[in-house]
Amino acid sequence: ENKFIFVGSSTDMFAEDIPTDWIIRVFNYLKKYPRNTYLFQSKNPKMIYELIDFIPQRSIIGTTIETNATLPEMGNAPSPSQRAYYMEQISKKFKTMVTIEPIMQFENYKLVNLIKQCNPEWVNIGADSKNGHLPEPTTQQIEELITELKKFTEIRKKTNLKRLGIE
C-alpha cells in the first residue's frame, strides 16, 4: 500500500507478442491494491490505449521517444509520431511521462513538439548506456532541448548524460 511501482521495468509488457489476457490479468491483480501508484512504460502506447479501461486508477503511463525521426536503430518499434499520438489520447485520462533514452540525433522543434503532444508530467533524458554506437546529438543540442522542455515539464537527467557533457 502507498507505494510507487514501476510495473515491468525490465520488459515491455505491451509489446506486440504479449497476449492481451496476460496484460489484463496484471491490471486486475494490481487493482487489489488501489492505494499504490503504478508506472507503465511502453514503446507501444497504442496497446495501452486499447486497454485503457482496464488500467488501475492511480497509474502513470509512459513511453520512450528517443528522437523525432524513424531510424533503423529503433527496430520494429512504432514511429515516434505514432507513440506521441497515442500518448496524447492517454493523457486525457492518466498522467503521462516520456523517456528520451537513448537520446539520438533529432531536430529540436520537432522533438519538442512530439514530447509536448504527450502532455508529460516529467521527461527522463539519458544517453546510450549499451555502447550501441547510436547517432547521438551534441552537448549544445541536448542543452537547447532541455531549455525548451523545461518551459512545460519537469526534466530528470540520467547520470549517463555526463558522457555527453551534460551535468
Protein backbone atom coordinates (compact mmCIF):
# COMPACT_ATOMS: atom_id res chain seq x y z
CA GLU A 1 0.00 0.00 0.00
CA ASN A 2 1.06 3.59 -0.77
CA LYS A 3 3.99 2.51 -2.95
CA PHE A 4 5.21 3.75 -6.34
CA ILE A 5 5.75 0.68 -8.51
CA PHE A 6 7.27 0.61 -12.00
CA VAL A 7 5.45 -2.42 -13.39
CA GLY A 8 7.51 -4.42 -15.87
CA SER A 9 10.51 -2.13 -15.55
CA SER A 10 12.80 -4.57 -17.35
CA THR A 11 10.42 -5.53 -20.15
CA ASP A 12 7.76 -4.07 -22.41
CA MET A 13 4.58 -5.82 -21.30
CA PHE A 14 2.67 -4.10 -24.13
CA ALA A 15 4.84 -5.43 -26.95
CA GLU A 16 3.01 -6.99 -29.88
CA ASP A 17 3.86 -10.57 -28.84
CA ILE A 18 2.45 -10.29 -25.30
CA PRO A 19 -1.03 -11.86 -25.04
CA THR A 20 -3.71 -9.31 -24.12
CA ASP A 21 -5.20 -11.60 -21.48
CA TRP A 22 -1.86 -11.64 -19.64
CA ILE A 23 -1.83 -7.84 -19.52
CA ILE A 24 -5.41 -7.70 -18.25
CA ARG A 25 -4.54 -10.26 -15.55
CA VAL A 26 -1.73 -7.98 -14.37
CA PHE A 27 -4.10 -4.98 -14.27
CA ASN A 28 -6.72 -6.96 -12.34
CA TYR A 29 -4.16 -8.08 -9.79
CA LEU A 30 -2.88 -4.53 -9.28
CA LYS A 31 -6.42 -3.27 -8.72
CA LYS A 32 -6.40 -5.26 -5.46
CA TYR A 33 -4.00 -2.58 -4.17
CA PRO A 34 -5.68 0.71 -5.12
CA ARG A 35 -3.51 2.88 -2.86
CA ASN A 36 -0.39 2.20 -4.91
CA THR A 37 0.67 4.30 -7.87
CA TYR A 38 1.73 2.28 -10.89
CA LEU A 39 4.01 3.33 -13.72
CA PHE A 40 3.64 1.55 -17.06
CA GLN A 41 6.03 2.37 -19.88
CA SER A 42 5.99 1.08 -23.44
CA LYS A 43 7.17 1.83 -26.95
CA ASN A 44 3.72 0.60 -27.95
CA PRO A 45 1.28 3.04 -26.29
CA LYS A 46 -1.34 2.03 -28.85
CA MET A 47 -1.79 -1.23 -26.91
CA ILE A 48 -2.08 0.70 -23.66
CA TYR A 49 -4.72 2.94 -25.23
CA GLU A 50 -6.66 -0.10 -26.44
CA LEU A 51 -6.71 -1.41 -22.84
CA ILE A 52 -7.26 1.96 -21.15
CA ASP A 53 -10.47 0.87 -19.39
CA PHE A 54 -8.61 -1.92 -17.57
CA ILE A 55 -5.78 0.23 -16.18
CA PRO A 56 -5.77 0.85 -12.39
CA GLN A 57 -6.86 4.39 -11.47
CA ARG A 58 -3.64 5.60 -9.86
CA SER A 59 -1.42 4.88 -12.86
CA ILE A 60 1.07 6.92 -14.83
CA ILE A 61 1.66 5.98 -18.44
CA GLY A 62 4.98 6.49 -20.16
CA THR A 63 6.64 5.94 -23.49
CA THR A 64 10.09 6.25 -24.96
CA ILE A 65 10.66 8.82 -27.68
CA GLU A 66 14.38 8.82 -28.36
CA THR A 67 14.25 11.09 -31.44
CA ASN A 68 11.71 12.64 -33.79
CA ALA A 69 12.99 10.54 -36.70
CA THR A 70 12.32 6.92 -37.56
CA LEU A 71 15.76 5.31 -37.62
CA PRO A 72 16.85 1.74 -38.35
CA GLU A 73 18.35 1.57 -34.84
CA MET A 74 14.80 1.68 -33.44
CA GLY A 75 13.99 -1.78 -34.78
CA ASN A 76 10.30 -2.65 -35.13
CA ALA A 77 9.06 -0.07 -32.62
CA PRO A 78 6.20 2.20 -33.71
CA SER A 79 7.27 5.59 -35.04
CA PRO A 80 7.80 8.43 -32.55
CA SER A 81 4.85 10.31 -34.07
CA GLN A 82 2.55 7.31 -33.56
CA ARG A 83 3.74 6.97 -29.95
CA ALA A 84 3.06 10.68 -29.36
CA TYR A 85 -0.42 10.42 -30.87
CA TYR A 86 -1.48 7.60 -28.53
CA MET A 87 0.13 9.27 -25.53
CA GLU A 88 -1.90 12.39 -26.25
CA GLN A 89 -5.07 10.27 -26.15
CA ILE A 90 -3.96 8.52 -22.95
CA SER A 91 -3.15 11.87 -21.30
CA LYS A 92 -6.86 12.71 -21.34
CA LYS A 93 -7.39 10.04 -18.67
CA PHE A 94 -3.99 9.41 -17.00
CA LYS A 95 -0.86 11.30 -16.07
CA THR A 96 1.93 10.68 -18.55
CA MET A 97 5.72 10.78 -18.74
CA VAL A 98 8.28 10.40 -21.52
CA THR A 99 11.76 8.92 -21.58
CA ILE A 100 14.26 10.19 -24.15
CA GLU A 101 16.76 7.36 -23.78
CA PRO A 102 18.93 6.56 -25.50
CA ILE A 103 18.80 10.07 -26.90
CA MET A 104 19.60 10.07 -30.62
CA GLN A 105 20.10 12.80 -33.20
CA PHE A 106 16.97 14.93 -33.52
CA GLU A 107 15.51 18.14 -34.87
CA ASN A 108 14.83 20.29 -31.82
CA TYR A 109 11.46 21.83 -32.66
CA LYS A 110 10.11 18.53 -34.00
CA LEU A 111 11.17 16.54 -30.93
CA VAL A 112 9.90 19.25 -28.56
CA ASN A 113 6.52 19.20 -30.32
CA LEU A 114 6.27 15.40 -30.08
CA ILE A 115 7.08 15.49 -26.37
CA LYS A 116 4.65 18.36 -25.76
CA GLN A 117 1.91 16.39 -27.54
CA CYS A 118 2.29 13.67 -24.87
CA ASN A 119 1.46 16.15 -22.05
CA PRO A 120 4.13 14.67 -19.74
CA GLU A 121 4.37 15.35 -16.01
CA TRP A 122 8.10 14.80 -16.44
CA VAL A 123 10.70 13.75 -19.01
CA ASN A 124 13.66 11.47 -18.33
CA ILE A 125 16.68 12.09 -20.56
CA GLY A 126 19.56 9.64 -20.85
CA ALA A 127 22.37 8.58 -23.16
CA ASP A 128 23.13 5.27 -24.79
CA SER A 129 24.41 3.07 -21.97
CA LYS A 130 24.87 -0.09 -24.03
CA ASN A 131 27.70 1.11 -26.30
CA GLY A 132 25.39 0.73 -29.28
CA HIS A 133 27.24 3.37 -31.34
CA LEU A 134 23.97 5.20 -31.92
CA PRO A 135 23.82 8.57 -33.74
CA GLU A 136 23.98 10.98 -30.78
CA PRO A 137 23.30 14.73 -30.58
CA THR A 138 25.87 17.28 -29.50
CA THR A 139 26.03 18.70 -25.98
CA GLN A 140 24.69 22.02 -27.28
CA GLN A 141 21.71 20.31 -28.94
CA ILE A 142 20.83 18.49 -25.72
CA GLU A 143 21.15 21.69 -23.68
CA GLU A 144 18.85 23.52 -26.12
CA LEU A 145 16.35 20.66 -25.92
CA ILE A 146 16.37 20.74 -22.12
CA THR A 147 15.81 24.52 -22.16
CA GLU A 148 12.74 24.12 -24.39
CA LEU A 149 11.31 21.17 -22.46
CA LYS A 150 11.66 22.99 -19.13
CA LYS A 151 9.12 25.51 -20.42
CA PHE A 152 6.32 22.96 -19.97
CA THR A 153 7.56 19.97 -17.93
CA GLU A 154 9.99 18.72 -15.32
CA ILE A 155 13.30 17.31 -16.59
CA ARG A 156 15.02 14.37 -14.91
CA LYS A 157 18.54 13.84 -16.23
CA LYS A 158 20.14 10.39 -16.03
CA THR A 159 23.72 10.29 -14.81
CA ASN A 160 24.83 8.66 -18.07
CA LEU A 161 24.38 12.06 -19.79
CA LYS A 162 27.71 13.08 -18.27
CA ARG A 163 29.40 11.11 -21.04
CA LEU A 164 27.83 13.59 -23.49
CA GLY A 165 28.89 16.63 -21.44
CA ILE A 166 25.58 17.22 -19.64
CA GLU A 167 25.65 17.75 -15.86
